[in-house]
Amino acid sequence: MFTHILVPLDGSEYAERAVEPARSLAEKYGARLTLLTVMVRFPVSRLHVPTLDQGSEARGRQSLKEVRATRLGAASVPVDTVVQLGTPAESIAEFASAAQVDLIVMSTHGTTSIGRVRHTLGSTAWKIFQDTPCPVLLIAVYRPVAQASSCGMSHILLW
């Protein structure tokens, strides 16, 4: 059913929560797994840079290497890592289309939502949901009851 699964990562704990479900699906279907980070031009996290020079790319690769080591260990499926410069949602959608990704697995929120999770979907997740040619599996970010909105959210949303 799936041959290529993409996990976009932005350096946040929230984004990394998508790695294990993606790994499980990749192992079940014998799919290739790609971890992608997009280095963007505006200051939001440690992965945001003005240009993708060798140092910036090395930081992105190091970040993906750490995620791969801590979250995937000895995965029994092929795992690729990709670092790109651009705007997150657009870069993820372009990569998914060009690489013929069958499924994107990502968290509902990432770096820009830390400490202010109030909406069902973060802006990048919403754009990905609208702009990609493949299904998107969203891993919900847990919220304390005091911050939960009146509209409930299940643990995993599948579109």
C-alpha atoms as a PDB file:
ATOM      1  CA  MET A   1       0.000   0.000   0.000  1.00  0.00           C
ATOM      2  CA  PHE A   2       2.774   2.484   0.902  1.00  0.00           C
ATOM      3  CA  THR A   3       6.237   2.470  -0.667  1.00  0.00           C
ATOM      4  CA  HIS A   4       7.605   5.863   0.422  1.00  0.00           C
ATOM      5  CA  ILE A   5       6.711   7.665   3.671  1.00  0.00           C
ATOM      6  CA  LEU A   6       7.830  11.222   4.430  1.00  0.00           C
ATOM      7  CA  VAL A   7       8.308  12.670   7.926  1.00  0.00           C
ATOM      8  CA  PRO A   8       8.892  16.441   7.953  1.00  0.00           C
ATOM      9  CA  LEU A   9      10.840  17.579  11.033  1.00  0.00           C
ATOM     10  CA  ASP A  10      11.440  21.101  12.325  1.00  0.00           C
ATOM     11  CA  GLY A  11      13.642  20.473  15.348  1.00  0.00           C
ATOM     12  CA  SER A  12      10.742  20.376  17.807  1.00  0.00           C
ATOM     13  CA  GLU A  13       9.708  17.609  20.187  1.00  0.00           C
ATOM     14  CA  TYR A  14       6.213  17.853  18.709  1.00  0.00           C
ATOM     15  CA  ALA A  15       7.421  17.081  15.185  1.00  0.00           C
ATOM     16  CA  GLU A  16       9.510  14.140  16.392  1.00  0.00           C
ATOM     17  CA  ARG A  17       6.388  12.443  17.747  1.00  0.00           C
ATOM     18  CA  ALA A  18       5.526  11.499  14.167  1.00  0.00           C
ATOM     19  CA  VAL A  19       8.662   9.382  13.691  1.00  0.00           C
ATOM     20  CA  GLU A  20       7.532   6.248  15.564  1.00  0.00           C
ATOM     21  CA  PRO A  21       4.132   5.920  13.838  1.00  0.00           C
ATOM     22  CA  ALA A  22       5.854   6.478  10.489  1.00  0.00           C
ATOM     23  CA  ARG A  23       8.410   3.798  11.322  1.00  0.00           C
ATOM     24  CA  SER A  24       5.666   1.336  12.263  1.00  0.00           C
ATOM     25  CA  LEU A  25       3.870   1.926   8.977  1.00  0.00           C
ATOM     26  CA  ALA A  26       7.100   1.690   6.976  1.00  0.00           C
ATOM     27  CA  GLU A  27       7.944  -1.623   8.639  1.00  0.00           C
ATOM     28  CA  LYS A  28       4.431  -2.982   8.090  1.00  0.00           C
ATOM     29  CA  TYR A  29       4.393  -2.118   4.391  1.00  0.00           C
ATOM     30  CA  GLY A  30       8.103  -2.461   3.609  1.00  0.00           C
ATOM     31  CA  ALA A  31       8.239   1.224   2.672  1.00  0.00           C
ATOM     32  CA  ARG A  32      11.186   3.581   2.503  1.00  0.00           C
ATOM     33  CA  LEU A  33      11.195   6.331   5.135  1.00  0.00           C
ATOM     34  CA  THR A  34      12.487   9.840   4.466  1.00  0.00           C
ATOM     35  CA  LEU A  35      13.197  12.349   7.233  1.00  0.00           C
ATOM     36  CA  LEU A  36      13.077  15.879   5.806  1.00  0.00           C
ATOM     37  CA  THR A  37      14.000  19.160   7.428  1.00  0.00           C
ATOM     38  CA  VAL A  38      13.491  22.504   5.763  1.00  0.00           C
ATOM     39  CA  MET A  39      15.902  25.248   6.741  1.00  0.00           C
ATOM     40  CA  VAL A  40      13.915  28.475   6.427  1.00  0.00           C
ATOM     41  CA  ARG A  41      14.942  32.094   6.154  1.00  0.00           C
ATOM     42  CA  PHE A  42      13.193  33.660   9.144  1.00  0.00           C
ATOM     43  CA  PRO A  43      14.178  33.255  12.822  1.00  0.00           C
ATOM     44  CA  VAL A  44      11.899  30.790  14.625  1.00  0.00           C
ATOM     45  CA  SER A  45      14.122  27.884  15.691  1.00  0.00           C
ATOM     46  CA  ARG A  46      17.678  26.615  15.571  1.00  0.00           C
ATOM     47  CA  LEU A  47      17.064  25.279  12.056  1.00  0.00           C
ATOM     48  CA  HIS A  48      16.261  28.672  10.471  1.00  0.00           C
ATOM     49  CA  VAL A  49      19.023  30.261   8.390  1.00  0.00           C
ATOM     50  CA  PRO A  50      19.452  32.952   5.695  1.00  0.00           C
ATOM     51  CA  THR A  51      21.085  30.641   3.115  1.00  0.00           C
ATOM     52  CA  LEU A  52      21.807  26.936   2.866  1.00  0.00           C
ATOM     53  CA  ASP A  53      25.572  27.107   3.155  1.00  0.00           C
ATOM     54  CA  GLN A  54      27.726  24.156   4.231  1.00  0.00           C
ATOM     55  CA  GLY A  55      27.404  25.021   7.923  1.00  0.00           C
ATOM     56  CA  SER A  56      23.624  25.338   7.774  1.00  0.00           C
ATOM     57  CA  GLU A  57      23.261  22.101   5.853  1.00  0.00           C
ATOM     58  CA  ALA A  58      25.571  20.366   8.334  1.00  0.00           C
ATOM     59  CA  ARG A  59      23.383  21.569  11.244  1.00  0.00           C
ATOM     60  CA  GLY A  60      20.281  20.241   9.502  1.00  0.00           C
ATOM     61  CA  ARG A  61      21.964  16.897   8.785  1.00  0.00           C
ATOM     62  CA  GLN A  62      23.177  16.665  12.394  1.00  0.00           C
ATOM     63  CA  SER A  63      19.653  17.310  13.651  1.00  0.00           C
ATOM     64  CA  LEU A  64      18.262  14.552  11.412  1.00  0.00           C
ATOM     65  CA  LYS A  65      21.092  12.209  12.436  1.00  0.00           C
ATOM     66  CA  GLU A  66      20.187  12.718  16.104  1.00  0.00           C
ATOM     67  CA  VAL A  67      16.498  12.063  15.438  1.00  0.00           C
ATOM     68  CA  ARG A  68      17.360   8.970  13.442  1.00  0.00           C
ATOM     69  CA  ALA A  69      19.585   7.635  16.239  1.00  0.00           C
ATOM     70  CA  THR A  70      17.206   8.405  19.111  1.00  0.00           C
ATOM     71  CA  ARG A  71      13.830   7.736  17.477  1.00  0.00           C
ATOM     72  CA  LEU A  72      14.594   5.028  14.918  1.00  0.00           C
ATOM     73  CA  GLY A  73      17.539   3.089  16.327  1.00  0.00           C
ATOM     74  CA  ALA A  74      18.054   0.024  14.165  1.00  0.00           C
ATOM     75  CA  ALA A  75      15.044   0.455  11.896  1.00  0.00           C
ATOM     76  CA  SER A  76      14.461  -2.476   9.587  1.00  0.00           C
ATOM     77  CA  VAL A  77      13.525  -0.210   6.670  1.00  0.00           C
ATOM     78  CA  PRO A  78      15.619   2.080   4.484  1.00  0.00           C
ATOM     79  CA  VAL A  79      15.851   5.592   5.959  1.00  0.00           C
ATOM     80  CA  ASP A  80      16.912   8.641   3.944  1.00  0.00           C
ATOM     81  CA  THR A  81      17.593  12.117   5.305  1.00  0.00           C
ATOM     82  CA  VAL A  82      17.084  15.280   3.268  1.00  0.00           C
ATOM     83  CA  VAL A  83      17.869  18.928   4.075  1.00  0.00           C
ATOM     84  CA  GLN A  84      16.358  21.706   1.966  1.00  0.00           C
ATOM     85  CA  LEU A  85      16.177  25.499   2.085  1.00  0.00           C
ATOM     86  CA  GLY A  86      12.774  27.078   1.567  1.00  0.00           C
ATOM     87  CA  THR A  87       9.370  27.645   3.073  1.00  0.00           C
ATOM     88  CA  PRO A  88       8.271  24.595   5.083  1.00  0.00           C
ATOM     89  CA  ALA A  89       4.837  23.829   3.641  1.00  0.00           C
ATOM     90  CA  GLU A  90       5.792  24.530   0.047  1.00  0.00           C
ATOM     91  CA  SER A  91       9.091  22.639   0.285  1.00  0.00           C
ATOM     92  CA  ILE A  92       7.401  19.618   1.881  1.00  0.00           C
ATOM     93  CA  ALA A  93       4.675  19.557  -0.790  1.00  0.00           C
ATOM     94  CA  GLU A  94       7.216  19.927  -3.612  1.00  0.00           C
ATOM     95  CA  PHE A  95       9.415  17.170  -2.192  1.00  0.00           C
ATOM     96  CA  ALA A  96       6.422  14.854  -1.708  1.00  0.00           C
ATOM     97  CA  SER A  97       5.392  15.322  -5.322  1.00  0.00           C
ATOM     98  CA  ALA A  98       8.891  15.038  -6.826  1.00  0.00           C
ATOM     99  CA  ALA A  99       9.860  11.994  -4.724  1.00  0.00           C
ATOM    100  CA  GLN A 100       6.513  10.252  -5.307  1.00  0.00           C
ATOM    101  CA  VAL A 101       5.753  10.039  -1.600  1.00  0.00           C
ATOM    102  CA  ASP A 102       2.716   7.847  -0.797  1.00  0.00           C
ATOM    103  CA  LEU A 103       2.114   9.207   2.720  1.00  0.00           C
ATOM    104  CA  ILE A 104       3.219  12.142   4.859  1.00  0.00           C
ATOM    105  CA  VAL A 105       3.288  11.551   8.622  1.00  0.00           C
ATOM    106  CA  MET A 106       3.632  14.692  10.705  1.00  0.00           C
ATOM    107  CA  SER A 107       2.487  16.290  13.938  1.00  0.00           C
ATOM    108  CA  THR A 108      -0.377  18.747  14.002  1.00  0.00           C
ATOM    109  CA  HIS A 109       1.976  21.368  15.474  1.00  0.00           C
ATOM    110  CA  GLY A 110       5.702  22.082  15.466  1.00  0.00           C
ATOM    111  CA  THR A 111       8.229  24.745  16.405  1.00  0.00           C
ATOM    112  CA  THR A 112       5.974  27.755  15.981  1.00  0.00           C
ATOM    113  CA  SER A 113       3.242  26.260  18.185  1.00  0.00           C
ATOM    114  CA  ILE A 114       5.274  25.423  21.260  1.00  0.00           C
ATOM    115  CA  GLY A 115       3.624  27.000  24.287  1.00  0.00           C
ATOM    116  CA  ARG A 116       0.576  28.181  22.385  1.00  0.00           C
ATOM    117  CA  VAL A 117      -1.247  25.097  21.107  1.00  0.00           C
ATOM    118  CA  ARG A 118      -4.804  26.371  20.845  1.00  0.00           C
ATOM    119  CA  HIS A 119      -5.888  25.419  17.347  1.00  0.00           C
ATOM    120  CA  THR A 120      -6.674  22.000  15.956  1.00  0.00           C
ATOM    121  CA  LEU A 121      -3.978  22.313  13.269  1.00  0.00           C
ATOM    122  CA  GLY A 122      -0.812  24.374  13.043  1.00  0.00           C
ATOM    123  CA  SER A 123      -0.291  26.541   9.963  1.00  0.00           C
ATOM    124  CA  THR A 124       2.211  24.206   8.276  1.00  0.00           C
ATOM    125  CA  ALA A 125       0.045  21.127   8.879  1.00  0.00           C
ATOM    126  CA  TRP A 126      -2.962  22.967   7.479  1.00  0.00           C
ATOM    127  CA  LYS A 127      -1.073  24.009   4.322  1.00  0.00           C
ATOM    128  CA  ILE A 128       0.307  20.480   3.832  1.00  0.00           C
ATOM    129  CA  PHE A 129      -3.179  19.053   4.230  1.00  0.00           C
ATOM    130  CA  GLN A 130      -4.397  21.384   1.473  1.00  0.00           C
ATOM    131  CA  ASP A 131      -1.443  21.259  -0.924  1.00  0.00           C
ATOM    132  CA  THR A 132      -0.133  17.694  -1.134  1.00  0.00           C
ATOM    133  CA  PRO A 133      -1.128  15.061  -3.667  1.00  0.00           C
ATOM    134  CA  CYS A 134      -0.912  12.207  -1.134  1.00  0.00           C
ATOM    135  CA  PRO A 135      -2.616  11.288   2.153  1.00  0.00           C
ATOM    136  CA  VAL A 136      -1.428  13.009   5.337  1.00  0.00           C
ATOM    137  CA  LEU A 137      -1.441  11.257   8.706  1.00  0.00           C
ATOM    138  CA  LEU A 138      -1.452  13.857  11.465  1.00  0.00           C
ATOM    139  CA  ILE A 139      -0.259  13.001  14.950  1.00  0.00           C
ATOM    140  CA  ALA A 140      -2.068  15.197  17.450  1.00  0.00           C
ATOM    141  CA  VAL A 141      -0.186  17.195  20.049  1.00  0.00           C
ATOM    142  CA  TYR A 142      -1.575  16.540  23.487  1.00  0.00           C
ATOM    143  CA  ARG A 143      -2.834  19.593  25.299  1.00  0.00           C
ATOM    144  CA  PRO A 144      -3.592  20.093  28.973  1.00  0.00           C
ATOM    145  CA  VAL A 145      -7.356  20.090  29.593  1.00  0.00           C
ATOM    146  CA  ALA A 146      -7.247  23.769  30.592  1.00  0.00           C
ATOM    147  CA  GLN A 147      -5.971  24.673  27.104  1.00  0.00           C
ATOM    148  CA  ALA A 148      -8.165  22.302  25.104  1.00  0.00           C
ATOM    149  CA  SER A 149     -10.613  23.932  22.744  1.00  0.00           C
ATOM    150  CA  SER A 150     -14.285  23.050  22.697  1.00  0.00           C
ATOM    151  CA  CYS A 151     -13.811  21.033  19.527  1.00  0.00           C
ATOM    152  CA  GLY A 152     -12.341  17.683  20.480  1.00  0.00           C
ATOM    153  CA  MET A 153      -9.416  16.108  18.672  1.00  0.00           C
ATOM    154  CA  SER A 154      -8.596  12.459  18.419  1.00  0.00           C
ATOM    155  CA  HIS A 155      -5.035  11.205  18.868  1.00  0.00           C
ATOM    156  CA  ILE A 156      -4.556  10.568  15.154  1.00  0.00           C
ATOM    157  CA  LEU A 157      -6.337  12.256  12.280  1.00  0.00           C
ATOM    158  CA  LEU A 158      -6.197  10.599   8.868  1.00  0.00           C
ATOM    159  CA  TRP A 159      -7.078  12.382   5.644  1.00  0.00           C
END
